Protein backbone atom coordinates (compact mmCIF):
# COMPACT_ATOMS: atom_id res chain seq x y z
CA UNK A 1 -1.50 -28.93 -1.94
CA UNK A 2 -3.65 -25.88 -1.25
CA UNK A 3 -3.59 -24.48 2.22
CA UNK A 4 -7.57 -24.37 2.98
CA UNK A 5 -10.52 -24.48 5.36
CA UNK A 6 -9.93 -28.18 7.14
CA UNK A 7 -5.97 -28.58 6.26
CA UNK A 8 -3.99 -28.90 9.54
CA UNK A 9 -2.52 -25.51 10.80
CA UNK A 10 0.98 -24.89 9.26
CA UNK A 11 3.90 -24.30 12.31
CA UNK A 12 5.05 -21.08 13.54
CA UNK A 13 8.69 -20.35 12.32
CA UNK A 14 9.75 -16.54 12.83
CA UNK A 15 12.69 -14.71 13.59
CA UNK A 16 11.90 -12.92 17.02
CA UNK A 17 9.05 -11.97 18.97
CA UNK A 18 8.44 -7.91 19.08
CA UNK A 19 5.66 -7.74 20.99
CA UNK A 20 4.39 -10.36 23.53
CA UNK A 21 5.71 -14.02 24.46
CA UNK A 22 7.00 -16.21 22.06
CA UNK A 23 4.19 -18.64 20.74
CA UNK A 24 5.37 -21.76 19.61
CA UNK A 25 2.69 -24.51 18.90
CA UNK A 26 -0.95 -24.07 18.61
CA UNK A 27 -2.76 -25.58 21.66
CA UNK A 28 -5.99 -27.04 21.25
CA UNK A 29 -9.17 -25.94 22.68
CA UNK A 30 -8.17 -22.29 21.87
CA UNK A 31 -8.93 -20.61 18.46
CA UNK A 32 -6.07 -18.12 17.08
CA UNK A 33 -6.27 -15.35 14.55
CA UNK A 34 -2.78 -15.14 12.41
CA UNK A 35 -2.94 -12.08 10.60
CA UNK A 36 -0.16 -11.34 7.95
CA UNK A 37 0.61 -7.64 7.59
CA UNK A 38 3.27 -4.51 7.32
CA UNK A 39 3.91 -1.21 8.38
CA UNK A 40 3.74 -0.05 4.36
CA UNK A 41 0.02 -1.68 4.21
CA UNK A 42 -2.42 1.40 4.78
CA UNK A 43 -5.47 -0.95 5.53
CA UNK A 44 -3.38 -3.14 7.65
CA UNK A 45 -3.45 -0.20 10.46
CA UNK A 46 -7.02 -0.01 10.22
CA UNK A 47 -6.96 -4.49 10.82
CA UNK A 48 -5.24 -3.84 13.61
CA UNK A 49 -7.43 -1.86 15.15
CA UNK A 50 -9.97 -4.30 14.80
CA UNK A 51 -8.18 -7.23 15.60
CA UNK A 52 -7.35 -5.12 19.24
CA UNK A 53 -10.88 -4.93 19.77
CA UNK A 54 -11.52 -8.75 18.68
CA UNK A 55 -9.14 -10.21 21.18
CA UNK A 56 -10.07 -8.13 23.95
CA UNK A 57 -13.85 -9.12 23.19
CA UNK A 58 -13.35 -12.80 23.12
CA UNK A 59 -10.37 -13.26 25.47
CA UNK A 60 -12.16 -15.35 27.71
CA UNK A 61 -13.61 -17.67 24.81
CA UNK A 62 -9.50 -18.57 24.59
CA UNK A 63 -8.54 -16.25 21.81
CA UNK A 64 -5.07 -15.80 20.79
CA UNK A 65 -4.34 -13.39 17.88
CA UNK A 66 -0.58 -13.29 16.70
CA UNK A 67 0.40 -10.48 14.51
CA UNK A 68 3.21 -11.66 11.43
CA UNK A 69 5.39 -8.87 10.20
CA UNK A 70 6.41 -11.18 7.20
CA UNK A 71 6.44 -8.38 4.40
CA UNK A 72 9.00 -5.43 5.59
CA UNK A 73 10.22 -3.06 2.97
CA UNK A 74 13.82 -2.26 4.46
CA UNK A 75 17.38 -3.34 3.09
CA UNK A 76 18.19 -5.46 6.21
CA UNK A 77 16.62 -7.42 9.20
CA UNK A 78 18.01 -5.00 11.23
CA UNK A 79 16.61 -2.16 9.76
CA UNK A 80 13.43 -3.81 9.20
CA UNK A 81 12.79 -4.51 12.97
CA UNK A 82 14.21 -1.28 14.17
CA UNK A 83 11.18 0.18 11.86
CA UNK A 84 8.67 -1.98 13.09
CA UNK A 85 8.98 -1.35 16.79
CA UNK A 86 9.02 2.74 15.88
CA UNK A 87 5.87 1.71 14.03
CA UNK A 88 3.87 -0.28 16.20
CA UNK A 89 5.26 2.37 19.32
CA UNK A 90 3.74 5.33 17.57
CA UNK A 91 0.47 3.61 15.83
CA UNK A 92 -0.28 1.08 18.08
CA UNK A 93 0.02 1.98 21.71
CA UNK A 94 -2.65 0.10 23.00
CA UNK A 95 -1.86 -3.64 21.27
CA UNK A 96 -2.82 -6.44 23.31
CA UNK A 97 -1.58 -9.39 21.16
CA UNK A 98 1.61 -10.96 19.95
CA UNK A 99 3.62 -9.87 17.09
CA UNK A 100 6.33 -11.33 15.44
CA UNK A 101 9.06 -10.61 12.55
CA UNK A 102 10.24 -13.00 9.81
CA UNK A 103 12.12 -11.59 7.52
CA UNK A 104 13.54 -14.96 6.16
CA UNK A 105 10.28 -15.90 4.01
CA UNK A 106 9.37 -18.57 6.24
CA UNK A 107 6.31 -17.88 7.10
CA UNK A 108 5.32 -16.62 3.99
CA UNK A 109 6.29 -20.09 2.72
CA UNK A 110 4.48 -22.28 5.02
CA UNK A 111 0.99 -19.82 5.42
CA UNK A 112 0.49 -17.34 2.42
CA UNK A 113 1.81 -19.37 -0.55
CA UNK A 114 0.16 -22.30 0.12
CA UNK A 115 -2.94 -21.09 0.88
CA UNK A 116 -2.49 -18.92 -2.59
CA UNK A 117 -3.32 -15.60 -0.75
CA UNK A 118 -1.92 -12.87 -2.48
CA UNK A 119 -2.37 -9.73 -0.68
CA UNK A 120 -2.21 -8.67 3.02
CA UNK A 121 -4.08 -7.68 5.52
CA UNK A 122 -4.65 -11.92 5.10
CA UNK A 123 -6.30 -13.57 8.58
CA UNK A 124 -6.24 -17.09 9.51
CA UNK A 125 -8.62 -18.27 11.66
CA UNK A 126 -7.10 -21.44 13.69
CA UNK A 127 -10.19 -23.42 15.73
CA UNK A 128 -10.11 -25.56 18.79
CA UNK A 129 -9.16 -28.98 16.81
CA UNK A 130 -6.19 -27.15 15.43
CA UNK A 131 -7.13 -26.65 11.79
CA UNK A 132 -7.69 -24.21 9.30
CA UNK A 133 -11.37 -22.32 9.59
CA UNK A 134 -11.13 -19.22 7.91
CA UNK A 135 -8.53 -17.48 5.65
CA UNK A 136 -9.49 -13.98 4.09
CA UNK A 137 -10.07 -10.32 4.91
CA UNK A 138 -9.78 -9.67 8.86
CA UNK A 139 -12.84 -7.00 8.48
CA UNK A 140 -15.05 -10.45 7.90
CA UNK A 141 -13.92 -12.14 11.51
CA UNK A 142 -17.04 -9.99 13.27
CA UNK A 143 -19.47 -12.22 11.43
CA UNK A 144 -16.78 -15.77 11.48
CA UNK A 145 -15.32 -15.91 14.94
CA UNK A 146 -18.82 -16.53 16.61
CA UNK A 147 -19.58 -19.56 14.34
CA UNK A 148 -16.08 -20.63 14.86
CA UNK A 149 -16.43 -20.57 18.95
CA UNK A 150 -19.94 -22.03 18.55
CA UNK A 151 -18.51 -25.01 15.99
CA UNK A 152 -20.89 -24.31 13.59
CA UNK A 153 -18.44 -22.12 10.77
CA UNK A 154 -16.80 -25.36 8.92
CA UNK A 155 -19.76 -27.19 8.40
CA UNK A 156 -21.61 -24.72 7.34
CA UNK A 157 -22.48 -23.90 3.61
CA UNK A 158 -21.76 -20.27 4.00
CA UNK A 159 -18.04 -21.17 4.76
CA UNK A 160 -17.61 -23.70 2.36
CA UNK A 161 -18.94 -21.27 -0.43
CA UNK A 162 -16.36 -18.67 1.14
CA UNK A 163 -13.40 -20.78 0.76
CA UNK A 164 -14.04 -22.09 -2.78
CA UNK A 165 -14.52 -18.73 -3.60
CA UNK A 166 -11.62 -17.51 -2.38
CA UNK A 167 -9.14 -20.19 -4.16
CA UNK A 168 -11.38 -19.32 -7.34
CA UNK A 169 -10.47 -15.72 -7.21
CA UNK A 170 -6.56 -16.23 -6.09
CA UNK A 171 -5.87 -18.82 -7.84
CA UNK A 172 -4.92 -16.48 -11.34
CA UNK A 173 -3.28 -13.93 -9.18
CA UNK A 174 -1.15 -16.60 -7.67
CA UNK A 175 -0.13 -18.30 -10.84
CA UNK A 176 1.08 -14.74 -11.96
CA UNK A 177 2.81 -13.94 -9.01
CA UNK A 178 4.85 -17.17 -9.19
CA UNK A 179 5.96 -15.91 -12.76
CA UNK A 180 7.00 -13.00 -11.15
CA UNK A 181 8.44 -13.89 -8.18
CA UNK A 182 12.33 -15.12 -10.32
CA UNK A 183 12.16 -11.56 -11.48
CA UNK A 184 11.82 -9.96 -8.46
CA UNK A 185 14.52 -11.96 -6.92
CA UNK A 186 16.89 -11.05 -9.46
CA UNK A 187 15.93 -7.17 -9.49
CA UNK A 188 16.33 -6.97 -5.71
CA UNK A 189 19.52 -8.42 -5.95
CA UNK A 190 20.50 -5.91 -8.63
CA UNK A 191 19.55 -2.99 -6.89
CA UNK A 192 21.13 -3.83 -3.76
CA UNK A 193 24.36 -4.76 -5.72
CA UNK A 194 23.14 -0.72 -7.43
CA UNK A 195 23.63 -2.98 -10.90
CA UNK A 196 21.21 -0.70 -12.53
CA UNK A 197 21.78 -2.02 -16.10
CA UNK A 198 21.11 -5.73 -14.63
CA UNK A 199 18.11 -4.48 -12.78
CA UNK A 200 16.58 -2.51 -15.81
CA UNK A 201 17.32 -5.61 -18.16
CA UNK A 202 15.51 -7.61 -15.45
CA UNK A 203 12.35 -5.58 -15.28
CA UNK A 204 12.27 -5.31 -19.10
CA UNK A 205 12.27 -9.39 -19.36
CA UNK A 206 9.29 -8.79 -16.35
CA UNK A 207 7.45 -6.28 -19.00
CA UNK A 208 7.70 -8.33 -21.84
CA UNK A 209 6.50 -11.18 -19.96
CA UNK A 210 3.40 -9.57 -18.46
CA UNK A 211 2.99 -5.82 -20.23
CA UNK A 212 0.24 -4.77 -18.29
CA UNK A 213 2.09 -4.85 -14.64
CA UNK A 214 1.70 -1.64 -13.14
CA UNK A 215 4.65 -2.45 -10.67
CA UNK A 216 7.07 -3.70 -13.40
CA UNK A 217 6.45 -0.48 -15.28
CA UNK A 218 6.67 1.70 -12.14
CA UNK A 219 10.44 -0.03 -11.32
CA UNK A 220 11.04 0.51 -14.86
CA UNK A 221 10.40 4.68 -15.12
CA UNK A 222 11.76 4.63 -11.40
CA UNK A 223 14.91 3.50 -12.69
CA UNK A 224 15.56 5.54 -15.79
CA UNK A 225 14.59 8.87 -14.77
CA UNK A 226 15.77 8.14 -10.72
CA UNK A 227 18.64 5.67 -10.80
CA UNK A 228 20.58 6.30 -14.26
CA UNK A 229 19.06 9.81 -14.97
CA UNK A 230 18.90 8.75 -18.67
CA UNK A 231 16.54 11.62 -20.01
CA UNK A 232 17.36 10.11 -23.87
CA UNK A 233 15.62 6.60 -22.75
CA UNK A 234 13.55 7.92 -19.89
CA UNK A 235 11.05 11.12 -21.92
CA UNK A 236 9.66 8.77 -24.55
CA UNK A 237 9.55 6.44 -21.96
CA UNK A 238 7.25 8.96 -20.13
CA UNK A 239 5.59 10.13 -22.95
CA UNK A 240 4.71 6.39 -23.77
CA UNK A 241 3.34 6.02 -20.29
CA UNK A 242 1.09 8.80 -19.78
CA UNK A 243 -0.25 7.34 -23.63
CA UNK A 244 -0.92 4.51 -21.55
CA UNK A 245 -2.47 5.37 -18.52
CA UNK A 246 -4.99 8.00 -20.52
CA UNK A 247 -5.88 5.72 -22.83
CA UNK A 248 -6.68 3.27 -19.77
CA UNK A 249 -8.90 5.44 -18.08
CA UNK A 250 -7.61 4.54 -14.84
CA UNK A 251 -6.96 6.85 -12.21
CA UNK A 252 -4.55 4.46 -10.35
CA UNK A 253 -2.11 4.43 -13.29
CA UNK A 254 -2.40 8.13 -13.76
CA UNK A 255 -2.03 9.16 -10.41
CA UNK A 256 1.18 6.28 -10.38
CA UNK A 257 3.08 8.58 -13.34
CA UNK A 258 2.10 11.55 -12.22
CA UNK A 259 4.09 11.38 -9.44
CA UNK A 260 6.93 9.76 -11.17
CA UNK A 261 7.27 13.44 -12.67
CA UNK A 262 5.91 15.66 -9.36
CA UNK A 263 6.40 13.81 -6.21
CA UNK A 264 8.87 15.76 -3.93
CA UNK A 265 10.73 12.20 -3.06
CA UNK A 266 12.02 12.23 -6.51
CA UNK A 267 14.48 13.90 -8.19
CA UNK A 268 13.12 15.95 -11.03
CA UNK A 269 16.35 18.35 -12.26
CA UNK A 270 17.30 16.36 -15.06
CA UNK A 271 13.44 15.96 -16.95
CA UNK A 272 13.57 18.55 -19.66
CA UNK A 273 10.85 20.97 -17.65
CA UNK A 274 8.81 21.64 -21.00
CA UNK A 275 8.30 18.05 -21.39
CA UNK A 276 7.55 17.55 -17.83
CA UNK A 277 4.99 20.15 -17.46
CA UNK A 278 3.23 19.57 -20.05
CA UNK A 279 2.93 15.77 -18.98
CA UNK A 280 1.87 16.85 -15.62
CA UNK A 281 -0.69 19.36 -17.41
CA UNK A 282 -2.46 16.37 -19.54
CA UNK A 283 -2.47 13.60 -16.69
CA UNK A 284 -3.94 16.55 -14.48
CA UNK A 285 -6.40 17.49 -16.49
CA UNK A 286 -7.34 13.79 -17.40
CA UNK A 287 -7.50 12.94 -13.60
CA UNK A 288 -10.12 16.11 -13.33
CA UNK A 289 -12.13 15.01 -16.11
CA UNK A 290 -12.33 11.83 -14.50
CA UNK A 291 -12.93 12.75 -10.78
CA UNK A 292 -14.43 16.09 -11.43
CA UNK A 293 -14.57 18.56 -8.56
CA UNK A 294 -18.46 18.98 -8.71
CA UNK A 295 -18.70 15.25 -8.46
CA UNK A 296 -19.01 12.92 -5.47
CA UNK A 297 -15.93 10.76 -6.10
CA UNK A 298 -13.46 10.55 -3.32
CA UNK A 299 -11.06 12.87 -4.14
CA UNK A 300 -8.30 12.34 -1.44
CA UNK A 301 -6.00 9.58 -3.18
CA UNK A 302 -5.99 11.51 -6.82
CA UNK A 303 -6.11 15.30 -5.87
CA UNK A 304 -3.03 15.60 -3.58
CA UNK A 305 -0.59 14.91 -6.74
CA UNK A 306 -2.95 16.60 -9.15
CA UNK A 307 -2.27 19.28 -6.29
CA UNK A 308 1.61 18.42 -6.84
CA UNK A 309 1.57 19.83 -10.33
CA UNK A 310 -0.20 22.76 -9.92
CA UNK A 311 1.83 23.95 -7.19
CA UNK A 312 4.86 23.47 -9.06
CA UNK A 313 3.78 25.18 -12.06
CA UNK A 314 2.64 28.28 -10.60
CA UNK A 315 -0.73 28.09 -9.61
CA UNK A 316 -0.78 27.77 -5.57
CA UNK A 317 -4.63 28.82 -5.16
CA UNK A 318 -5.64 25.82 -7.62
CA UNK A 319 -3.46 23.70 -5.50
CA UNK A 320 -4.70 24.83 -2.26
CA UNK A 321 -8.37 24.04 -3.50
CA UNK A 322 -7.68 20.86 -4.40
CA UNK A 323 -6.08 20.17 -1.34
CA UNK A 324 -8.96 21.33 0.70
CA UNK A 325 -11.32 19.43 -1.87
CA UNK A 326 -9.57 16.32 -1.00
CA UNK A 327 -9.86 17.04 2.85
CA UNK A 328 -13.49 17.33 2.55
CA UNK A 329 -13.67 14.10 0.37
CA UNK A 330 -12.86 12.55 4.44
CA UNK A 331 -15.69 13.03 5.23
CA UNK A 332 -17.95 12.57 1.73
CA UNK A 333 -20.70 10.51 1.22
CA UNK A 334 -18.60 7.50 0.46
CA UNK A 335 -17.63 6.83 4.24
CA UNK A 336 -13.81 5.65 4.90
CA UNK A 337 -13.11 3.97 8.07
CA UNK A 338 -11.57 6.19 10.89
CA UNK A 339 -8.43 4.06 10.82
CA UNK A 340 -7.58 5.38 7.05
CA UNK A 341 -8.87 9.05 7.80
CA UNK A 342 -6.30 8.50 10.67
CA UNK A 343 -3.27 7.36 8.16
CA UNK A 344 -4.49 10.24 5.60
CA UNK A 345 -5.07 13.50 7.49
CA UNK A 346 -1.77 14.19 8.44
CA UNK A 347 -0.27 14.20 4.74
CA UNK A 348 -2.68 16.79 3.71
CA UNK A 349 -2.70 18.57 6.39
CA UNK A 350 1.18 18.60 5.97
CA UNK A 351 0.70 19.60 2.11
CA UNK A 352 -1.98 22.24 2.72
CA UNK A 353 0.05 23.97 5.32
CA UNK A 354 3.13 24.12 2.79
CA UNK A 355 1.00 25.30 -0.04
CA UNK A 356 -0.36 28.00 2.13
CA UNK A 357 2.38 28.88 4.18
CA UNK A 358 0.72 28.93 7.26
CA UNK A 359 -0.53 26.85 10.24
CA UNK A 360 -3.28 24.68 9.57
CA UNK A 361 -5.74 22.56 11.67
CA UNK A 362 -8.23 20.08 10.55
CA UNK A 363 -10.05 19.21 14.07
CA UNK A 364 -7.81 19.09 17.05
CA UNK A 365 -4.78 18.16 14.24
CA UNK A 366 -2.58 20.71 13.03
CA UNK A 367 -0.06 20.93 11.08
CA UNK A 368 2.96 23.71 10.17
CA UNK A 369 5.22 24.84 7.48
CA UNK A 370 8.30 22.87 6.77
CA UNK A 371 11.45 24.96 6.54
CA UNK A 372 12.58 22.54 3.77
CA UNK A 373 9.51 22.96 2.04
CA UNK A 374 9.92 24.76 -1.81
CA UNK A 375 8.45 27.73 -2.69
CA UNK A 376 5.96 28.44 -5.30
CA UNK A 377 8.21 29.20 -8.76
CA UNK A 378 8.45 33.15 -8.71
CA UNK A 379 8.38 32.78 -12.83
CA UNK A 380 6.08 30.31 -14.76
CA UNK A 381 7.56 26.72 -16.14
CA UNK A 382 8.82 27.23 -19.84
CA UNK A 383 5.71 26.28 -21.63
CA UNK A 384 3.54 28.69 -20.04
CA UNK A 385 6.71 31.44 -21.05
CA UNK A 386 6.12 30.25 -24.91
CA UNK A 387 2.82 30.46 -24.71
CA UNK A 388 2.38 33.83 -23.26
CA UNK A 389 5.38 35.15 -25.91
C-alpha cells in the first residue's frame, strides 16, 4: 500500500542518534518533520539550514524536526558515522534538531519506498493526530506548516491535488528503481569484493535493461577505464559515449563523460593521450555551444569540467577565463540559494588558485594553490603536435 497523505505514520527504527535525544514514538498533539538527507546531496545542505529556521520559528507550536541520514555512501556503518559527524560539525554548527543514522535500510523500507519517494531531500510532515500530512520538497514547508498547525491542510483541495500529483509523478520512477535495485545490490556486492568482471557483467545487464540510465553508463565507464584499465574496451566505449552525449544535446551527459576523461580524481595514464584530448576537445566545444560564454545560462556546473580540459591541454588562460565565468554566474540573472553558493564557491576558488598559481579571493573567502596540484604541461598534447607538424 502506498504511504500517502492521511496514512498512519510509520515507526522510527534507526541504528543511532548522532544529535539530540532519541525519539521512539510520535506524541499526539505535536507536529513532526522527518527529513531524509545525505552528506553527498548538494541540495540537502540548503534544506537543513531551512529546517533550522523552521524549528526555531515553530518550536513553541510543538514542532520537532528529525533528520534521518539513511543513504550515506560509505563502505561500513562506522565510516558512515565518522563522515556524518565530521560533516555535521563543519556544515551545521547551529543545528537545533535531532539527527538519526540508519545504514540498515530499515528506514528507507518504512518511509521512502512505500511513499514512492525517489530522491532526497524528502520531508514527511506528521500532524497532531499522528498521520502523514505532507510528503515532498522541504522548500515547500513554509506554505504547508502554518496550515498543518491550524489543521486546515489535509482537508484542503490544494493538499489533495499536490499528493495526487506527487504519486503520479513518482510512480514510474519508483518502478524503475525497483527494477534497478537487484542489479545495484549485486553490483555493490561485487565491488566490495573487488570482483571487477562480475561487477561489469552486472552493469552491462542493467544497461541492456535500461539503456538510457546514465548511472549504469557511468559505472561501466569507471570500471573499464579506472578499475580494470582495459583500454582495448574502454576507448571505443568512450567514443560511443561521446557520440551519445552530443546527440542528446545533454549538458549533464557531456559533463559526466568529460569528467571520466579529465577529472583529477581519475587515473588517465593508461588512456591514449591523442584519443583523450580529441574527445575532450569535442565535448568541451559542444558544452560551450550549448551554454556560450556570452549567454546568460549558469556556468558553475559545466564550466569547471571544461576548464580542466583546457588547463591540461596547455591553455591555462582559457581555463582561468572559464572558472572566472563560473564564479561570476553564481551571482547571475538566475539567482541560486545562498547555501548552494556556499557549497560551490570553495571548489571554484581552489581551481582558480591552482590555475593562476597564486592566492585568490571572492569576498571574505580565499584559496591558495595546492602544493600537490599538477602544473600545466610544458608541451602541447600529441594531437596538437601533429596538427602543428
